[in-house]
N, C-alpha and C. Protein backbone atom coordinates (compact mmCIF):
# COMPACT_ATOMS: atom_id res chain seq x y z
N MET A 1 150.89 160.11 174.68
CA MET A 1 152.04 161.01 174.61
C MET A 1 152.16 161.53 173.17
N PRO A 2 152.25 162.88 172.99
CA PRO A 2 152.35 163.44 171.64
C PRO A 2 153.70 163.12 171.00
N ALA A 3 153.70 163.17 169.67
CA ALA A 3 154.94 162.94 168.93
C ALA A 3 155.95 164.02 169.30
N PRO A 4 157.25 163.71 169.26
CA PRO A 4 158.26 164.69 169.66
C PRO A 4 158.25 165.96 168.81
N ASP A 5 157.83 165.86 167.55
CA ASP A 5 157.82 167.04 166.69
C ASP A 5 156.45 167.70 166.63
N ALA A 6 155.51 167.25 167.47
CA ALA A 6 154.16 167.80 167.47
C ALA A 6 154.16 169.23 167.99
N ILE A 7 153.36 170.07 167.36
CA ILE A 7 153.20 171.44 167.81
C ILE A 7 152.08 171.44 168.85
N PRO A 8 152.29 172.09 169.98
CA PRO A 8 151.27 172.08 171.03
C PRO A 8 149.93 172.65 170.56
N PHE A 9 148.86 172.01 170.98
CA PHE A 9 147.50 172.40 170.65
C PHE A 9 147.27 173.89 170.93
N GLU A 10 147.70 174.34 172.09
CA GLU A 10 147.47 175.72 172.51
C GLU A 10 148.16 176.70 171.57
N GLN A 11 149.34 176.36 171.11
CA GLN A 11 150.08 177.24 170.20
C GLN A 11 149.35 177.35 168.85
N ILE A 12 148.82 176.25 168.36
CA ILE A 12 148.06 176.27 167.10
C ILE A 12 146.78 177.08 167.29
N ARG A 13 146.11 176.86 168.41
CA ARG A 13 144.87 177.57 168.69
C ARG A 13 145.09 179.08 168.72
N GLU A 14 146.15 179.51 169.39
CA GLU A 14 146.45 180.94 169.47
C GLU A 14 146.75 181.53 168.09
N ARG A 15 147.53 180.82 167.28
CA ARG A 15 147.86 181.33 165.95
C ARG A 15 146.62 181.36 165.07
N ALA A 16 145.79 180.33 165.14
CA ALA A 16 144.57 180.30 164.33
C ALA A 16 143.66 181.46 164.71
N TYR A 17 143.57 181.77 165.98
CA TYR A 17 142.74 182.89 166.43
C TYR A 17 143.30 184.21 165.91
N GLU A 18 144.61 184.38 165.96
CA GLU A 18 145.24 185.59 165.43
C GLU A 18 144.94 185.75 163.94
N LEU A 19 145.06 184.67 163.20
CA LEU A 19 144.79 184.71 161.76
C LEU A 19 143.32 185.05 161.50
N TRP A 20 142.44 184.45 162.27
CA TRP A 20 141.00 184.70 162.12
C TRP A 20 140.69 186.17 162.38
N GLU A 21 141.27 186.73 163.44
CA GLU A 21 141.04 188.14 163.75
C GLU A 21 141.60 189.05 162.67
N ARG A 22 142.82 188.75 162.19
CA ARG A 22 143.44 189.57 161.14
C ARG A 22 142.61 189.58 159.86
N ASN A 23 141.85 188.53 159.65
CA ASN A 23 141.03 188.41 158.45
C ASN A 23 139.58 188.81 158.70
N HIS A 24 139.36 189.66 159.70
CA HIS A 24 138.05 190.25 159.99
C HIS A 24 137.00 189.24 160.46
N ARG A 25 137.45 188.17 161.13
CA ARG A 25 136.58 187.21 161.80
C ARG A 25 135.49 186.60 160.90
N PRO A 26 135.87 186.01 159.79
CA PRO A 26 134.85 185.42 158.92
C PRO A 26 134.22 184.17 159.56
N GLU A 27 132.97 183.95 159.30
CA GLU A 27 132.24 182.78 159.81
C GLU A 27 132.54 181.56 158.94
N GLY A 28 132.65 180.39 159.55
CA GLY A 28 132.72 179.13 158.82
C GLY A 28 134.08 178.74 158.27
N PHE A 29 135.16 179.37 158.74
CA PHE A 29 136.50 179.05 158.21
C PHE A 29 137.43 178.51 159.30
N GLU A 30 136.84 177.91 160.32
CA GLU A 30 137.64 177.44 161.45
C GLU A 30 138.72 176.47 161.03
N ILE A 31 138.36 175.50 160.22
CA ILE A 31 139.32 174.47 159.81
C ILE A 31 140.43 175.07 158.96
N GLU A 32 140.06 175.97 158.05
CA GLU A 32 141.06 176.59 157.19
C GLU A 32 142.08 177.38 158.01
N PHE A 33 141.61 178.15 159.00
CA PHE A 33 142.54 178.91 159.83
C PHE A 33 143.38 178.00 160.71
N TRP A 34 142.78 176.92 161.20
CA TRP A 34 143.53 175.96 162.01
C TRP A 34 144.68 175.36 161.18
N LEU A 35 144.35 174.91 159.98
CA LEU A 35 145.37 174.29 159.12
C LEU A 35 146.43 175.29 158.70
N LEU A 36 146.04 176.51 158.42
CA LEU A 36 147.00 177.55 158.05
C LEU A 36 147.93 177.84 159.23
N ALA A 37 147.38 177.92 160.42
CA ALA A 37 148.19 178.16 161.61
C ALA A 37 149.20 177.03 161.82
N GLU A 38 148.73 175.81 161.68
CA GLU A 38 149.62 174.66 161.86
C GLU A 38 150.73 174.67 160.82
N ARG A 39 150.38 174.98 159.57
CA ARG A 39 151.36 175.03 158.49
C ARG A 39 152.41 176.12 158.76
N GLU A 40 151.96 177.29 159.18
CA GLU A 40 152.89 178.38 159.48
C GLU A 40 153.84 178.00 160.61
N LEU A 41 153.31 177.41 161.66
CA LEU A 41 154.15 177.04 162.80
C LEU A 41 155.16 175.96 162.42
N ARG A 42 154.76 175.01 161.59
CA ARG A 42 155.70 173.97 161.13
C ARG A 42 156.82 174.59 160.29
N LYS A 43 156.47 175.54 159.41
CA LYS A 43 157.48 176.20 158.59
C LYS A 43 158.45 177.00 159.45
N GLU A 44 157.92 177.69 160.45
CA GLU A 44 158.77 178.45 161.36
C GLU A 44 159.73 177.53 162.11
N ARG A 45 159.20 176.40 162.56
CA ARG A 45 160.05 175.44 163.28
C ARG A 45 161.13 174.88 162.36
N ALA A 46 160.76 174.54 161.13
CA ALA A 46 161.73 173.99 160.17
C ALA A 46 162.80 175.02 159.86
N ARG A 47 162.41 176.28 159.71
CA ARG A 47 163.37 177.35 159.43
C ARG A 47 164.34 177.51 160.61
N ARG A 48 163.80 177.49 161.83
CA ARG A 48 164.66 177.59 163.02
C ARG A 48 165.64 176.42 163.08
N ASN A 49 165.14 175.21 162.82
CA ASN A 49 166.00 174.03 162.86
C ASN A 49 167.07 174.08 161.79
N ALA A 50 166.75 174.61 160.62
CA ALA A 50 167.72 174.72 159.53
C ALA A 50 168.78 175.76 159.86
N ASP A 51 168.42 176.78 160.63
CA ASP A 51 169.37 177.84 160.98
C ASP A 51 170.33 177.42 162.09
N GLU A 52 169.95 176.41 162.87
CA GLU A 52 170.81 175.94 163.95
C GLU A 52 172.01 175.21 163.38
N PRO A 53 173.18 175.40 163.98
CA PRO A 53 174.35 174.67 163.49
C PRO A 53 174.21 173.17 163.74
N ALA A 54 174.85 172.39 162.93
CA ALA A 54 174.83 170.94 163.09
C ALA A 54 175.39 170.59 164.46
N GLY A 55 174.83 169.55 165.07
CA GLY A 55 175.33 169.10 166.37
C GLY A 55 174.43 169.52 167.52
N SER A 56 173.22 169.91 167.22
CA SER A 56 172.22 170.22 168.24
C SER A 56 172.65 171.33 169.18
N GLY A 57 173.24 172.38 168.63
CA GLY A 57 173.58 173.52 169.45
C GLY A 57 174.88 173.40 170.19
N VAL A 58 175.63 172.33 169.96
CA VAL A 58 176.92 172.16 170.61
C VAL A 58 177.96 172.93 169.81
N GLU A 59 178.67 173.81 170.49
CA GLU A 59 179.68 174.60 169.79
C GLU A 59 180.90 173.74 169.51
N PRO A 60 181.55 173.98 168.36
CA PRO A 60 182.77 173.21 168.05
C PRO A 60 183.88 173.62 169.02
N PRO A 61 184.78 172.70 169.30
CA PRO A 61 185.89 173.02 170.22
C PRO A 61 186.78 174.11 169.62
N SER A 62 187.27 174.99 170.49
CA SER A 62 188.16 176.06 170.01
C SER A 62 189.58 175.51 169.87
N ARG A 63 190.32 176.12 168.97
CA ARG A 63 191.69 175.63 168.70
C ARG A 63 192.71 176.35 169.51
């Protein structure tokens, strides 16, 4: 069972492929693009989590 904060393999693969294509498909940089994709996705997730209000999306009671 993957860790709860793990980014799905397929999502990393898709992002790495996009990065590879954007960079004119260079040979021999598979690991670099994979790691860059994973780093980008983790940053995006952290940014989304930081933007969410405290309380896991639960709205505060109205007065």
